[in-house]
Amino acid sequence: MTREPFDMIVIGAGPGGYVSAIRGAQLGLKVAIVEREHMGGICLNWGCIPTKAMLRSAEVFHLMHRAKEFGLSAEGIGYDLDAVVARSRKVAKQLNSGVGHLLKKNKVTVFNGDARLVAADKVAVQTDKGEEILSAPNVVVAVGAHARELPGLEADGARVWTYKHALTPKHMPKQLLVIGSGAIGIEFASFYNALGADVTVVEVQDQILPVEDPEIASFARKAFEKQGMKILSGAMVKKLDRSESGLVAHIEQDGKTTEHAFDTAISAVGIAANTDGTGLAELGVQMDRSFAVTDAYCRSSVPGVWVIGDATNGPWLAHKASHEGVMVAELIAGHDVDHPPQPEQIAGCTYCHPQIASVGLTEDKAREQGFDVKIGRFPFIGNGKAIALGEPEGLIKTVFDAKTGELLGAHMVGAEVTELIQGYVVARKLETTEQDLMETVFPHPTLSEMMHESVLDAYDRAIHF
């Protein structure tokens, strides 16, 4: 069956795809979107949202154990893992339904099925009713990604898990191995550690949280170890011996391989794009492994084919995908877009305990790029709100160009920093200088005052430290 042409077809209804479709419809385009599984994609259904719901449960559980510190009493503290998971799934389901409502409200035509590009302007959709051919002069590929698996460490859902298995666990791990210390690995390590698992994190790099500023990563590592996590950096899991009762991991570190027993492992070693079967490579779209290569405006090497989100250049973050989706829809509608998203302007957030957030260049990267830098730091222990909250452990670090006062980067670890970081994101977008930030009045008492103090410290003007 062949339909009347659309102006824009979006493949994938994740945070990039559904946002792009809605923005296109708002601009008067006739839009179709194809989704083979869940409205909202991995982020909403199996990633960002349900993990945060589970981490919130872990945070409340942690605070319940600290009741005495706050003059409160709590007895018989425990948890029901099935109920924690059920709440997480309920939250995801609620938002999934919301995405469907938004698409309908904006008159986006929805197709449920597998999509494949058969030409630059034609998409074959396999539904339960058969195949349909959709056509449009612009196709936006927003197919997302899946967990990358290493040979010998493949997930089986029983003893070796991906993020999906970890979100719907069949048992509570007692001895948990987490392979990889990026955001996904550390968030699950934090969740299961808070619930009482004996957690070991193995990271092949010398630094955990490899994309973060080394000073912040080091601070976080000490906090994790204080909570009882074991962290092996500069190490590699060479092999997993599996049995019904558990696992034996062969871990290489400093040239020596040792064996460690676990009952469960989570593999969090990166992602691969869901581009197999999409027809991108067959059309001649330039690829880099599983990822499509695009310009800054998400144009692929084939005119009329756009690729956004986790299917193309990093950073692989939901908010970056959404921003790209809006930009592409506006370009298709004929609007001018002067400033495409730049990776160094996009914040990264890790929702472990303590939280970690950053934007821009690390101190090391700034120096490598030839900047003469000024560094500001402010610890949570110097902030009244942090002490009142019972969260005195944390650090805010700012990196400035000494010559121009440009804010090159900001890096945080501590309570609620995933909410605070946007202040620095806005500052970078508006190209504010150190003088602008120093002259800004921050409300008291707030955690945000530490952002001000960190800026002041870079210029030897800190008041409270």
Protein backbone atom coordinates (compact mmCIF):
# COMPACT_ATOMS: atom_id res chain seq x y z
CA MET A 1 0.00 0.00 0.00
CA THR A 2 1.32 3.47 -0.93
CA ARG A 3 0.06 6.64 0.77
CA GLU A 4 0.07 10.30 -0.17
CA PRO A 5 3.51 11.85 0.44
CA PHE A 6 4.41 13.32 3.79
CA ASP A 7 6.69 16.33 4.25
CA MET A 8 8.74 14.52 6.87
CA ILE A 9 9.02 10.95 8.10
CA VAL A 10 10.63 10.21 11.44
CA ILE A 11 11.93 6.72 12.18
CA GLY A 12 11.97 6.12 15.94
CA ALA A 13 9.83 7.71 18.66
CA GLY A 14 12.46 8.20 21.33
CA PRO A 15 13.38 11.59 22.85
CA GLY A 16 14.86 12.72 19.55
CA GLY A 17 12.25 11.31 17.20
CA TYR A 18 8.98 12.21 18.89
CA VAL A 19 10.19 15.73 19.70
CA SER A 20 11.26 16.22 16.08
CA ALA A 21 7.89 14.99 14.82
CA ILE A 22 5.95 17.31 17.14
CA ARG A 23 8.08 20.33 16.23
CA GLY A 24 7.65 19.57 12.54
CA ALA A 25 3.88 19.37 12.96
CA GLN A 26 3.86 22.66 14.90
CA LEU A 27 5.57 24.28 11.91
CA GLY A 28 2.84 23.09 9.56
CA LEU A 29 4.55 20.04 8.10
CA LYS A 30 2.68 16.83 7.35
CA VAL A 31 4.56 14.38 9.58
CA ALA A 32 4.63 10.61 10.02
CA ILE A 33 6.48 8.76 12.75
CA VAL A 34 7.31 5.05 12.84
CA GLU A 35 8.01 3.18 16.07
CA ARG A 36 8.54 -0.55 16.36
CA GLU A 37 8.29 -0.93 20.12
CA HIS A 38 7.69 1.82 22.72
CA MET A 39 6.61 5.44 22.41
CA GLY A 40 9.31 7.43 24.18
CA GLY A 41 12.05 5.01 23.17
CA ILE A 42 14.68 3.48 25.41
CA CYS A 43 15.19 6.66 27.44
CA LEU A 44 11.64 6.90 28.67
CA ASN A 45 10.90 3.17 28.92
CA TRP A 46 14.22 1.52 29.78
CA GLY A 47 16.72 4.27 30.49
CA CYS A 48 16.65 7.80 31.86
CA ILE A 49 13.24 7.76 33.51
CA PRO A 50 12.87 4.32 35.14
CA THR A 51 16.46 4.37 36.40
CA LYS A 52 15.83 7.72 38.09
CA ALA A 53 12.67 6.32 39.68
CA MET A 54 14.66 3.40 41.10
CA LEU A 55 17.50 5.66 42.23
CA ARG A 56 14.94 7.83 44.04
CA SER A 57 13.77 4.76 45.96
CA ALA A 58 17.38 4.03 46.89
CA GLU A 59 17.89 7.63 47.99
CA VAL A 60 14.83 7.54 50.26
CA PHE A 61 15.97 4.19 51.67
CA HIS A 62 19.40 5.68 52.39
CA LEU A 63 17.84 8.70 54.13
CA MET A 64 15.59 6.46 56.25
CA HIS A 65 18.74 4.88 57.69
CA ARG A 66 19.97 8.37 58.58
CA ALA A 67 16.76 9.33 60.41
CA LYS A 68 18.54 9.68 63.77
CA GLU A 69 20.79 12.42 62.35
CA PHE A 70 17.69 14.54 61.70
CA GLY A 71 16.12 13.97 65.12
CA LEU A 72 13.74 11.34 63.77
CA SER A 73 13.18 7.67 64.47
CA ALA A 74 12.54 4.88 62.01
CA GLU A 75 12.36 1.21 62.90
CA GLY A 76 12.12 -1.97 60.87
CA ILE A 77 13.52 -0.29 57.77
CA GLY A 78 13.40 -2.50 54.71
CA TYR A 79 12.46 -2.60 51.06
CA ASP A 80 10.40 -4.62 48.63
CA LEU A 81 12.41 -4.91 45.40
CA ASP A 82 9.38 -5.95 43.37
CA ALA A 83 7.51 -2.87 44.59
CA VAL A 84 10.48 -0.63 43.77
CA VAL A 85 10.52 -2.04 40.24
CA ALA A 86 6.73 -1.77 39.94
CA ARG A 87 6.85 1.94 40.80
CA SER A 88 9.61 2.45 38.23
CA ARG A 89 7.57 0.71 35.52
CA LYS A 90 4.46 2.69 36.47
CA VAL A 91 6.33 5.96 36.05
CA ALA A 92 7.60 4.87 32.63
CA LYS A 93 4.14 3.74 31.55
CA GLN A 94 2.58 7.05 32.55
CA LEU A 95 5.06 9.01 30.44
CA ASN A 96 4.78 6.53 27.56
CA SER A 97 1.05 7.26 27.39
CA GLY A 98 1.80 10.98 27.50
CA VAL A 99 3.98 10.78 24.39
CA GLY A 100 1.19 9.06 22.46
CA HIS A 101 -1.21 11.80 23.55
CA LEU A 102 1.17 14.56 22.43
CA LEU A 103 1.63 13.00 18.99
CA LYS A 104 -2.12 12.69 18.55
CA LYS A 105 -2.69 16.24 19.79
CA ASN A 106 -0.24 17.55 17.20
CA LYS A 107 -1.79 15.45 14.41
CA VAL A 108 1.30 13.35 13.75
CA THR A 109 0.45 10.15 11.87
CA VAL A 110 1.77 7.19 13.86
CA PHE A 111 2.79 3.83 12.40
CA ASN A 112 3.68 0.89 14.63
CA GLY A 113 6.17 -1.36 12.87
CA ASP A 114 9.70 -1.81 11.53
CA ALA A 115 10.95 0.88 9.16
CA ARG A 116 13.56 0.57 6.43
CA LEU A 117 14.78 3.18 3.97
CA VAL A 118 14.39 1.81 0.43
CA ALA A 119 15.31 5.15 -1.16
CA ALA A 120 16.31 8.55 0.16
CA ASP A 121 12.67 9.59 0.03
CA LYS A 122 10.90 6.27 0.67
CA VAL A 123 10.41 4.22 3.82
CA ALA A 124 9.01 0.70 3.89
CA VAL A 125 7.07 0.01 7.07
CA GLN A 126 6.33 -3.56 8.07
CA THR A 127 3.25 -3.63 10.29
CA ASP A 128 1.05 -6.48 11.48
CA LYS A 129 -1.16 -5.69 8.47
CA GLY A 130 1.62 -5.99 5.91
CA GLU A 131 4.05 -3.60 4.27
CA GLU A 132 3.34 0.04 3.52
CA ILE A 133 5.51 2.42 1.52
CA LEU A 134 5.72 5.96 2.88
CA SER A 135 7.34 8.79 0.99
CA ALA A 136 8.70 12.20 1.95
CA PRO A 137 11.49 14.47 0.73
CA ASN A 138 12.98 14.38 4.23
CA VAL A 139 13.53 11.36 6.46
CA VAL A 140 14.78 11.76 10.02
CA VAL A 141 16.45 8.63 11.41
CA ALA A 142 16.21 8.56 15.20
CA VAL A 143 16.57 4.85 15.91
CA GLY A 144 18.59 5.09 19.11
CA ALA A 145 21.05 2.53 20.38
CA HIS A 146 21.42 -0.64 22.43
CA ALA A 147 23.94 -1.94 24.94
CA ARG A 148 27.24 -2.99 23.41
CA GLU A 149 28.39 -6.46 24.40
CA LEU A 150 31.91 -7.81 24.53
CA PRO A 151 32.79 -11.35 23.41
CA GLY A 152 32.48 -13.75 26.33
CA LEU A 153 30.65 -11.18 28.45
CA GLU A 154 27.32 -11.35 26.63
CA ALA A 155 24.19 -10.93 28.73
CA ASP A 156 22.01 -13.96 29.37
CA GLY A 157 19.39 -12.34 31.58
CA ALA A 158 20.05 -14.81 34.37
CA ARG A 159 23.50 -14.06 35.79
CA VAL A 160 24.79 -11.46 33.33
CA TRP A 161 22.57 -8.43 32.81
CA THR A 162 22.29 -5.41 30.56
CA TYR A 163 20.59 -2.24 31.81
CA LYS A 164 17.25 -3.73 30.76
CA HIS A 165 17.66 -6.79 32.99
CA ALA A 166 18.93 -4.58 35.84
CA LEU A 167 15.71 -2.55 35.66
CA THR A 168 13.55 -5.65 36.07
CA PRO A 169 15.74 -7.91 38.23
CA LYS A 170 14.70 -11.50 38.82
CA HIS A 171 16.68 -11.53 42.06
CA MET A 172 18.46 -9.11 44.37
CA PRO A 173 22.22 -9.45 43.82
CA LYS A 174 24.35 -10.21 46.84
CA GLN A 175 27.75 -10.02 45.16
CA LEU A 176 27.43 -7.76 42.11
CA LEU A 177 30.05 -7.12 39.44
CA VAL A 178 29.57 -3.97 37.36
CA ILE A 179 31.67 -3.90 34.19
CA GLY A 180 32.22 -0.30 33.15
CA SER A 181 32.14 2.91 35.20
CA GLY A 182 30.40 5.30 32.85
CA ALA A 183 27.08 6.85 33.81
CA ILE A 184 25.03 3.67 33.33
CA GLY A 185 27.42 1.44 35.25
CA ILE A 186 27.86 3.84 38.16
CA GLU A 187 24.13 4.52 38.48
CA PHE A 188 23.33 0.81 38.80
CA ALA A 189 26.30 0.30 41.11
CA SER A 190 24.95 3.10 43.31
CA PHE A 191 21.39 1.72 43.30
CA TYR A 192 22.27 -1.85 44.22
CA ASN A 193 24.94 -0.78 46.71
CA ALA A 194 22.35 1.36 48.53
CA LEU A 195 20.08 -1.68 48.82
CA GLY A 196 22.84 -3.74 50.39
CA ALA A 197 24.60 -5.56 47.56
CA ASP A 198 28.35 -6.09 47.80
CA VAL A 199 29.35 -4.16 44.65
CA THR A 200 32.59 -4.31 42.69
CA VAL A 201 33.12 -1.96 39.73
CA VAL A 202 35.73 -2.82 37.10
CA GLU A 203 36.93 -0.05 34.76
CA VAL A 204 39.49 -0.54 31.98
CA GLN A 205 40.65 3.08 32.20
CA ASP A 206 42.78 4.30 35.08
CA GLN A 207 40.04 6.78 36.00
CA ILE A 208 36.45 5.88 36.77
CA LEU A 209 33.85 8.10 35.09
CA PRO A 210 36.37 8.59 32.25
CA VAL A 211 34.70 11.63 30.64
CA GLU A 212 34.67 13.64 33.87
CA ASP A 213 37.29 16.00 35.25
CA PRO A 214 39.87 13.84 37.09
CA GLU A 215 39.52 15.82 40.32
CA ILE A 216 35.75 15.29 40.36
CA ALA A 217 36.11 11.60 39.45
CA SER A 218 38.63 11.13 42.26
CA PHE A 219 36.28 12.81 44.75
CA ALA A 220 33.41 10.58 43.59
CA ARG A 221 35.54 7.46 43.85
CA LYS A 222 36.41 8.19 47.47
CA ALA A 223 32.71 8.72 48.22
CA PHE A 224 31.76 5.41 46.55
CA GLU A 225 34.47 3.52 48.41
CA LYS A 226 33.37 5.11 51.68
CA GLN A 227 29.90 3.66 50.94
CA GLY A 228 31.44 0.20 50.62
CA MET A 229 31.95 -0.19 46.87
CA LYS A 230 35.09 -1.90 45.63
CA ILE A 231 36.56 -0.22 42.57
CA LEU A 232 39.19 -1.79 40.32
CA SER A 233 40.48 0.71 37.75
CA GLY A 234 43.00 -0.05 35.05
CA ALA A 235 41.47 -3.52 35.08
CA MET A 236 39.69 -5.77 32.60
CA VAL A 237 37.27 -8.68 32.91
CA LYS A 238 38.87 -11.27 30.63
CA LYS A 239 36.38 -14.07 31.11
CA LEU A 240 33.24 -15.06 33.00
CA ASP A 241 32.70 -18.65 34.11
CA ARG A 242 28.95 -19.14 34.53
CA SER A 243 27.00 -21.65 36.56
CA GLU A 244 23.48 -21.88 37.96
CA SER A 245 24.72 -20.66 41.32
CA GLY A 246 26.88 -17.75 40.16
CA LEU A 247 29.88 -16.44 38.28
CA VAL A 248 33.63 -16.48 38.48
CA ALA A 249 35.21 -13.41 36.88
CA HIS A 250 38.78 -13.53 35.65
CA ILE A 251 40.01 -9.97 36.20
CA GLU A 252 43.33 -8.71 34.88
CA GLN A 253 45.03 -5.83 36.67
CA ASP A 254 48.68 -4.79 36.67
CA GLY A 255 49.55 -7.76 34.47
CA LYS A 256 48.12 -10.28 36.92
CA THR A 257 44.84 -12.19 36.50
CA THR A 258 42.85 -13.14 39.58
CA GLU A 259 39.51 -14.89 40.07
CA HIS A 260 36.58 -13.31 41.89
CA ALA A 261 33.20 -14.85 42.74
CA PHE A 262 29.91 -13.03 42.10
CA ASP A 263 26.29 -14.04 41.76
CA THR A 264 25.41 -11.35 39.20
CA ALA A 265 27.15 -9.09 36.70
CA ILE A 266 25.95 -5.98 34.86
CA SER A 267 27.66 -5.19 31.56
CA ALA A 268 27.80 -1.43 30.94
CA VAL A 269 30.55 -1.06 28.37
CA GLY A 270 29.00 1.39 25.95
CA ILE A 271 26.42 1.42 23.19
CA ALA A 272 25.98 0.55 19.53
CA ALA A 273 23.48 2.31 17.25
CA ASN A 274 20.34 0.49 16.07
CA THR A 275 21.21 1.12 12.43
CA ASP A 276 21.30 -2.49 11.21
CA GLY A 277 18.33 -3.09 8.94
CA THR A 278 17.52 0.59 8.52
CA GLY A 279 18.89 0.76 4.97
CA LEU A 280 21.29 3.60 5.79
CA ALA A 281 24.44 1.78 4.71
CA GLU A 282 22.74 0.39 1.59
CA LEU A 283 21.76 3.93 0.56
CA GLY A 284 25.38 4.99 0.77
CA VAL A 285 25.20 6.94 4.02
CA GLN A 286 28.70 7.29 5.43
CA MET A 287 29.04 5.19 8.59
CA ASP A 288 31.50 5.00 11.47
CA ARG A 289 31.01 1.52 12.90
CA SER A 290 27.29 1.44 13.70
CA PHE A 291 26.93 5.24 13.78
CA ALA A 292 25.94 7.43 10.84
CA VAL A 293 28.35 10.29 10.12
CA THR A 294 26.65 13.69 9.89
CA ASP A 295 27.57 17.34 9.76
CA ALA A 296 26.83 19.72 12.64
CA TYR A 297 23.25 20.07 11.40
CA CYS A 298 22.62 16.30 11.40
CA ARG A 299 22.69 15.99 7.60
CA SER A 300 23.97 12.61 6.43
CA SER A 301 26.00 12.13 3.25
CA VAL A 302 22.75 11.37 1.38
CA PRO A 303 20.61 14.50 0.71
CA GLY A 304 17.23 14.40 2.43
CA VAL A 305 18.34 11.85 5.04
CA TRP A 306 18.96 13.26 8.51
CA VAL A 307 20.28 11.28 11.49
CA ILE A 308 19.93 12.42 15.12
CA GLY A 309 20.52 11.22 18.67
CA ASP A 310 22.27 7.99 19.55
CA ALA A 311 22.38 6.87 15.90
CA THR A 312 25.02 9.49 15.12
CA ASN A 313 27.81 11.55 16.69
CA GLY A 314 28.07 11.76 20.47
CA PRO A 315 27.56 12.74 23.18
CA TRP A 316 24.83 10.12 23.37
CA LEU A 317 22.38 11.91 25.63
CA ALA A 318 18.60 12.26 25.47
CA HIS A 319 18.60 16.05 25.76
CA LYS A 320 21.08 16.32 22.90
CA ALA A 321 18.80 14.13 20.75
CA SER A 322 15.76 16.27 21.55
CA HIS A 323 17.61 19.47 20.69
CA GLU A 324 18.78 17.97 17.40
CA GLY A 325 15.24 16.83 16.63
CA VAL A 326 13.90 20.38 17.00
CA MET A 327 16.75 21.82 14.92
CA VAL A 328 16.22 19.35 12.07
CA ALA A 329 12.46 19.97 11.99
CA GLU A 330 13.08 23.70 11.79
CA LEU A 331 15.60 23.27 8.97
CA ILE A 332 13.17 21.07 7.04
CA ALA A 333 10.48 23.72 7.50
CA GLY A 334 12.80 26.32 5.99
CA HIS A 335 13.82 28.14 9.13
CA ASP A 336 17.33 29.49 9.64
CA VAL A 337 19.38 27.78 12.33
CA ASP A 338 22.57 29.72 12.95
CA HIS A 339 23.98 27.80 15.87
CA PRO A 340 23.88 23.99 15.80
CA PRO A 341 24.36 22.20 19.13
CA GLN A 342 28.00 21.89 20.15
CA PRO A 343 29.13 18.93 22.27
CA GLU A 344 30.99 21.17 24.71
CA GLN A 345 27.77 23.10 25.40
CA ILE A 346 25.82 19.99 26.42
CA ALA A 347 25.78 18.99 30.07
CA GLY A 348 26.35 15.44 31.23
CA CYS A 349 24.66 14.16 34.39
CA THR A 350 25.12 10.99 36.44
CA TYR A 351 22.41 10.32 39.03
CA CYS A 352 24.38 8.22 41.49
CA HIS A 353 24.98 9.17 45.11
CA PRO A 354 26.66 11.65 45.19
CA GLN A 355 25.43 13.08 41.89
CA ILE A 356 27.88 14.22 39.20
CA ALA A 357 27.34 16.88 36.54
CA SER A 358 29.56 18.76 34.11
CA VAL A 359 29.64 20.96 31.04
CA GLY A 360 32.49 22.17 28.83
CA LEU A 361 36.18 21.50 29.09
CA THR A 362 37.90 19.75 31.98
CA GLU A 363 40.96 21.45 33.42
CA ASP A 364 43.24 19.02 31.57
CA LYS A 365 41.45 19.48 28.24
CA ALA A 366 41.59 23.25 28.58
CA ARG A 367 45.33 23.16 29.19
CA GLU A 368 45.80 20.72 26.28
CA GLN A 369 44.02 23.21 24.02
CA GLY A 370 46.50 25.91 25.01
CA PHE A 371 44.40 27.93 27.41
CA ASP A 372 45.98 29.75 30.33
CA VAL A 373 43.42 28.81 32.95
CA LYS A 374 42.12 30.06 36.26
CA ILE A 375 40.52 27.39 38.46
CA GLY A 376 37.91 27.98 41.13
CA ARG A 377 36.72 25.45 43.71
CA PHE A 378 34.18 25.47 46.49
CA PRO A 379 33.37 22.56 48.82
CA PHE A 380 29.88 21.72 50.04
CA ILE A 381 31.10 21.85 53.63
CA GLY A 382 31.31 25.65 53.29
CA ASN A 383 27.65 26.04 52.32
CA GLY A 384 24.90 26.53 54.90
CA LYS A 385 22.15 24.89 52.84
CA ALA A 386 24.29 21.78 52.20
CA ILE A 387 24.99 21.42 55.92
CA ALA A 388 21.30 21.94 56.78
CA LEU A 389 20.37 19.25 54.26
CA GLY A 390 22.88 16.87 55.81
CA GLU A 391 24.82 16.78 52.52
CA PRO A 392 28.19 18.38 53.34
CA GLU A 393 30.24 16.23 50.95
CA GLY A 394 30.73 17.66 47.49
CA LEU A 395 32.75 19.98 45.31
CA ILE A 396 32.11 22.56 42.59
CA LYS A 397 34.95 23.37 40.20
CA THR A 398 35.03 26.07 37.52
CA VAL A 399 37.54 26.54 34.71
CA PHE A 400 38.09 29.99 33.16
CA ASP A 401 40.23 31.39 30.38
CA ALA A 402 42.61 33.68 32.29
CA LYS A 403 42.92 36.06 29.33
CA THR A 404 39.25 36.63 28.48
CA GLY A 405 37.30 35.49 31.53
CA GLU A 406 35.36 32.97 29.42
CA LEU A 407 33.83 30.11 31.40
CA LEU A 408 35.45 27.09 29.74
CA GLY A 409 33.96 24.38 31.93
CA ALA A 410 32.17 23.55 35.15
CA HIS A 411 32.31 20.28 37.07
CA MET A 412 30.35 19.22 40.15
CA VAL A 413 29.91 16.33 42.54
CA GLY A 414 27.39 16.37 45.39
CA ALA A 415 23.71 16.67 46.23
CA GLU A 416 21.43 17.99 43.46
CA VAL A 417 24.25 19.02 41.13
CA THR A 418 22.29 17.60 38.18
CA GLU A 419 19.84 20.45 38.79
CA LEU A 420 22.52 23.09 39.47
CA ILE A 421 24.57 22.49 36.31
CA GLN A 422 22.04 24.23 34.06
CA GLY A 423 23.09 27.56 35.55
CA TYR A 424 26.52 27.12 34.05
CA VAL A 425 25.06 25.78 30.79
CA VAL A 426 23.08 29.01 30.40
CA ALA A 427 26.14 31.04 31.35
CA ARG A 428 28.19 29.38 28.61
CA LYS A 429 25.42 29.77 26.04
CA LEU A 430 25.14 33.49 26.79
CA GLU A 431 28.94 33.81 26.72
CA THR A 432 29.03 35.39 30.14
CA THR A 433 32.38 36.29 31.62
CA GLU A 434 33.70 35.84 35.14
CA GLN A 435 32.69 39.45 35.84
CA ASP A 436 29.07 38.80 34.86
CA LEU A 437 28.94 35.76 37.14
CA MET A 438 30.63 37.52 40.04
CA GLU A 439 28.16 40.41 39.82
CA THR A 440 25.12 38.10 39.74
CA VAL A 441 23.17 37.96 43.01
CA PHE A 442 22.55 34.35 44.06
CA PRO A 443 19.72 33.64 46.55
CA HIS A 444 20.48 32.57 50.12
CA PRO A 445 20.38 29.99 51.53
CA THR A 446 20.78 27.79 48.45
CA LEU A 447 23.18 25.25 47.06
CA SER A 448 23.56 27.54 44.05
CA GLU A 449 25.59 29.96 46.18
CA MET A 450 28.47 27.49 45.83
CA MET A 451 28.45 28.15 42.08
CA HIS A 452 29.02 31.83 42.84
CA GLU A 453 31.74 31.09 45.37
CA SER A 454 33.55 28.78 42.94
CA VAL A 455 33.67 31.62 40.40
CA LEU A 456 34.92 34.02 43.08
CA ASP A 457 37.57 31.52 44.14
CA ALA A 458 39.02 31.39 40.61
CA TYR A 459 39.87 35.08 41.09
CA ASP A 460 40.89 34.84 44.76
CA ARG A 461 37.68 36.48 45.96
CA ALA A 462 35.87 33.61 47.73
CA ILE A 463 34.17 34.77 50.92
CA HIS A 464 33.18 31.59 52.75
CA PHE A 465 36.23 29.41 52.24
